[in-house]
N, C-alpha and C. Protein backbone atom coordinates (compact mmCIF):
# COMPACT_ATOMS: atom_id res chain seq x y z
N UNK A 1 7.75 -38.91 -16.53
CA UNK A 1 8.39 -38.25 -15.42
C UNK A 1 8.62 -36.76 -15.72
N UNK A 2 9.11 -36.47 -16.93
CA UNK A 2 9.36 -35.08 -17.29
C UNK A 2 8.06 -34.29 -17.31
N UNK A 3 6.98 -34.93 -17.70
CA UNK A 3 5.68 -34.26 -17.76
C UNK A 3 5.25 -33.78 -16.37
N UNK A 4 5.46 -34.59 -15.36
CA UNK A 4 5.10 -34.23 -13.99
C UNK A 4 5.99 -33.10 -13.47
N UNK A 5 7.25 -33.11 -13.82
CA UNK A 5 8.17 -32.06 -13.39
C UNK A 5 7.75 -30.73 -14.01
N UNK A 6 7.42 -30.74 -15.32
CA UNK A 6 6.99 -29.51 -15.98
C UNK A 6 5.70 -28.96 -15.36
N UNK A 7 4.76 -29.83 -15.06
CA UNK A 7 3.52 -29.39 -14.42
C UNK A 7 3.80 -28.78 -13.05
N UNK A 8 4.68 -29.38 -12.30
CA UNK A 8 5.02 -28.86 -10.98
C UNK A 8 5.71 -27.51 -11.09
N UNK A 9 6.62 -27.36 -12.05
CA UNK A 9 7.31 -26.09 -12.24
C UNK A 9 6.33 -24.99 -12.64
N UNK A 10 5.38 -25.30 -13.51
CA UNK A 10 4.38 -24.32 -13.93
C UNK A 10 3.49 -23.93 -12.75
N UNK A 11 3.10 -24.90 -11.95
CA UNK A 11 2.27 -24.62 -10.78
C UNK A 11 3.00 -23.72 -9.79
N UNK A 12 4.27 -23.99 -9.55
CA UNK A 12 5.06 -23.16 -8.63
C UNK A 12 5.19 -21.75 -9.18
N UNK A 13 5.42 -21.61 -10.49
CA UNK A 13 5.54 -20.28 -11.10
C UNK A 13 4.22 -19.51 -10.99
N UNK A 14 3.10 -20.15 -11.23
CA UNK A 14 1.81 -19.49 -11.12
C UNK A 14 1.51 -19.08 -9.68
N UNK A 15 1.85 -19.90 -8.73
CA UNK A 15 1.65 -19.55 -7.32
C UNK A 15 2.54 -18.38 -6.91
N UNK A 16 3.76 -18.32 -7.44
CA UNK A 16 4.64 -17.19 -7.12
C UNK A 16 4.09 -15.90 -7.70
N UNK A 17 3.56 -15.95 -8.92
CA UNK A 17 2.96 -14.77 -9.52
C UNK A 17 1.75 -14.32 -8.72
N UNK A 18 0.91 -15.24 -8.31
CA UNK A 18 -0.26 -14.92 -7.50
C UNK A 18 0.15 -14.29 -6.16
N UNK A 19 1.16 -14.83 -5.54
CA UNK A 19 1.61 -14.30 -4.24
C UNK A 19 2.14 -12.88 -4.38
N UNK A 20 2.87 -12.59 -5.44
CA UNK A 20 3.42 -11.24 -5.60
C UNK A 20 2.32 -10.24 -5.93
N UNK A 21 1.31 -10.62 -6.69
CA UNK A 21 0.22 -9.69 -6.98
C UNK A 21 -0.63 -9.43 -5.75
N UNK A 22 -0.83 -10.41 -4.91
CA UNK A 22 -1.59 -10.19 -3.68
C UNK A 22 -0.82 -9.31 -2.71
N UNK A 23 0.49 -9.43 -2.67
CA UNK A 23 1.31 -8.63 -1.78
C UNK A 23 1.31 -7.16 -2.21
N UNK A 24 1.12 -6.90 -3.49
CA UNK A 24 1.20 -5.54 -4.03
C UNK A 24 -0.10 -4.74 -3.84
N UNK A 25 -1.11 -5.31 -3.27
CA UNK A 25 -2.37 -4.60 -3.08
C UNK A 25 -2.24 -3.52 -2.01
N UNK A 26 -2.94 -2.41 -2.21
CA UNK A 26 -2.93 -1.34 -1.23
C UNK A 26 -3.76 -1.74 -0.01
N UNK A 27 -3.27 -1.40 1.14
CA UNK A 27 -3.96 -1.78 2.38
C UNK A 27 -4.42 -0.55 3.15
N UNK A 28 -4.46 0.59 2.51
CA UNK A 28 -4.85 1.82 3.19
C UNK A 28 -6.22 2.29 2.76
N UNK A 29 -6.49 3.54 3.08
CA UNK A 29 -7.78 4.15 2.76
C UNK A 29 -7.56 5.57 2.25
N UNK A 30 -8.40 5.99 1.32
CA UNK A 30 -8.39 7.36 0.80
C UNK A 30 -9.50 8.15 1.48
N UNK A 31 -9.20 9.41 1.76
CA UNK A 31 -10.23 10.26 2.34
C UNK A 31 -9.93 11.71 2.01
N UNK A 32 -10.96 12.55 2.07
CA UNK A 32 -10.84 13.98 1.81
C UNK A 32 -11.10 14.72 3.11
N UNK A 33 -10.20 15.64 3.43
CA UNK A 33 -10.34 16.47 4.62
C UNK A 33 -10.59 17.90 4.15
N UNK A 34 -11.74 18.50 4.49
CA UNK A 34 -12.06 19.83 3.98
C UNK A 34 -11.44 20.98 4.78
N UNK A 35 -10.60 20.69 5.74
CA UNK A 35 -9.99 21.72 6.58
C UNK A 35 -8.56 21.29 6.92
N UNK A 36 -7.72 22.24 7.31
CA UNK A 36 -6.37 21.88 7.74
C UNK A 36 -6.46 21.24 9.13
N UNK A 37 -5.55 20.34 9.42
CA UNK A 37 -5.59 19.62 10.68
C UNK A 37 -4.18 19.36 11.18
N UNK A 38 -4.06 19.05 12.45
CA UNK A 38 -2.76 18.86 13.09
C UNK A 38 -2.58 17.38 13.44
N UNK A 39 -1.42 16.84 13.06
CA UNK A 39 -1.05 15.47 13.40
C UNK A 39 0.36 15.50 13.97
N UNK A 40 0.49 15.08 15.20
CA UNK A 40 1.80 15.00 15.86
C UNK A 40 2.53 16.34 15.83
N UNK A 41 1.79 17.43 16.01
CA UNK A 41 2.40 18.75 16.06
C UNK A 41 2.64 19.40 14.71
N UNK A 42 2.30 18.73 13.62
CA UNK A 42 2.48 19.29 12.29
C UNK A 42 1.12 19.57 11.67
N UNK A 43 0.96 20.77 11.10
CA UNK A 43 -0.30 21.14 10.46
C UNK A 43 -0.28 20.69 9.01
N UNK A 44 -1.29 19.93 8.63
CA UNK A 44 -1.44 19.46 7.26
C UNK A 44 -2.56 20.24 6.58
N UNK A 45 -2.40 20.59 5.31
CA UNK A 45 -3.42 21.36 4.62
C UNK A 45 -4.63 20.50 4.26
N UNK A 46 -5.75 21.16 3.97
CA UNK A 46 -6.94 20.45 3.51
C UNK A 46 -6.63 19.78 2.19
N UNK A 47 -7.29 18.68 1.91
CA UNK A 47 -7.07 17.99 0.63
C UNK A 47 -7.37 16.52 0.71
N UNK A 48 -6.96 15.81 -0.33
CA UNK A 48 -7.14 14.37 -0.43
C UNK A 48 -5.91 13.66 0.14
N UNK A 49 -6.15 12.65 0.95
CA UNK A 49 -5.06 11.92 1.60
C UNK A 49 -5.26 10.42 1.44
N UNK A 50 -4.14 9.72 1.51
CA UNK A 50 -4.14 8.26 1.56
C UNK A 50 -3.37 7.89 2.82
N UNK A 51 -3.98 7.08 3.66
CA UNK A 51 -3.33 6.66 4.91
C UNK A 51 -3.16 5.15 4.86
N UNK A 52 -1.99 4.70 5.30
CA UNK A 52 -1.73 3.26 5.29
C UNK A 52 -0.91 2.86 6.50
N UNK A 53 -1.15 1.65 6.95
CA UNK A 53 -0.34 1.09 8.02
C UNK A 53 0.90 0.44 7.44
N UNK A 54 2.04 0.71 8.04
CA UNK A 54 3.29 0.15 7.56
C UNK A 54 3.62 -1.10 8.36
N UNK A 55 4.46 -1.94 7.82
CA UNK A 55 4.72 -3.25 8.43
C UNK A 55 5.44 -3.14 9.77
N UNK A 56 6.07 -2.02 10.06
CA UNK A 56 6.77 -1.89 11.34
C UNK A 56 5.92 -1.12 12.35
N UNK A 57 4.60 -1.24 12.27
CA UNK A 57 3.64 -0.65 13.20
C UNK A 57 3.68 0.88 13.19
N UNK A 58 3.85 1.46 12.04
CA UNK A 58 3.80 2.91 11.87
C UNK A 58 2.67 3.23 10.90
N UNK A 59 2.32 4.51 10.82
CA UNK A 59 1.27 4.96 9.92
C UNK A 59 1.85 6.01 9.00
N UNK A 60 1.48 5.97 7.72
CA UNK A 60 1.98 6.94 6.75
C UNK A 60 0.80 7.71 6.16
N UNK A 61 0.92 9.04 6.11
CA UNK A 61 -0.05 9.91 5.45
C UNK A 61 0.56 10.35 4.12
N UNK A 62 -0.18 10.20 3.03
CA UNK A 62 0.27 10.64 1.72
C UNK A 62 -0.73 11.66 1.21
N UNK A 63 -0.26 12.87 0.90
CA UNK A 63 -1.11 13.88 0.32
C UNK A 63 -1.18 13.60 -1.17
N UNK A 64 -2.38 13.48 -1.73
CA UNK A 64 -2.54 13.08 -3.12
C UNK A 64 -2.36 14.24 -4.09
N UNK A 65 -2.14 15.46 -3.60
CA UNK A 65 -1.90 16.60 -4.47
C UNK A 65 -0.42 16.91 -4.63
N UNK A 66 0.44 16.12 -4.05
CA UNK A 66 1.87 16.32 -4.14
C UNK A 66 2.43 17.27 -3.11
N UNK A 67 1.60 17.74 -2.18
CA UNK A 67 2.07 18.62 -1.11
C UNK A 67 2.71 17.77 -0.02
N UNK A 68 3.52 18.37 0.83
CA UNK A 68 4.19 17.57 1.89
C UNK A 68 3.19 16.87 2.81
N UNK A 69 3.55 15.69 3.25
CA UNK A 69 2.71 14.93 4.16
C UNK A 69 3.54 14.40 5.30
N UNK A 70 3.03 13.44 6.01
CA UNK A 70 3.74 12.81 7.12
C UNK A 70 4.02 11.37 6.77
N UNK A 71 5.07 10.82 7.34
CA UNK A 71 5.32 9.39 7.21
C UNK A 71 6.09 8.90 8.40
């Protein structure tokens, strides 16, 4: 009986680890823009960006050079 409980506990722990690693995957895209551009009235400089959809139906722009972006 104890053997079955230990196997079940190990299986649950492995599934929890798998679920957390899958949740941590990036769901956006990287792209390079060779010119400055306007988004929602704000001008963003040329450069490398990462864009991702957020869980509350919003979009976030991340500038990969550390310059200000939108979110």
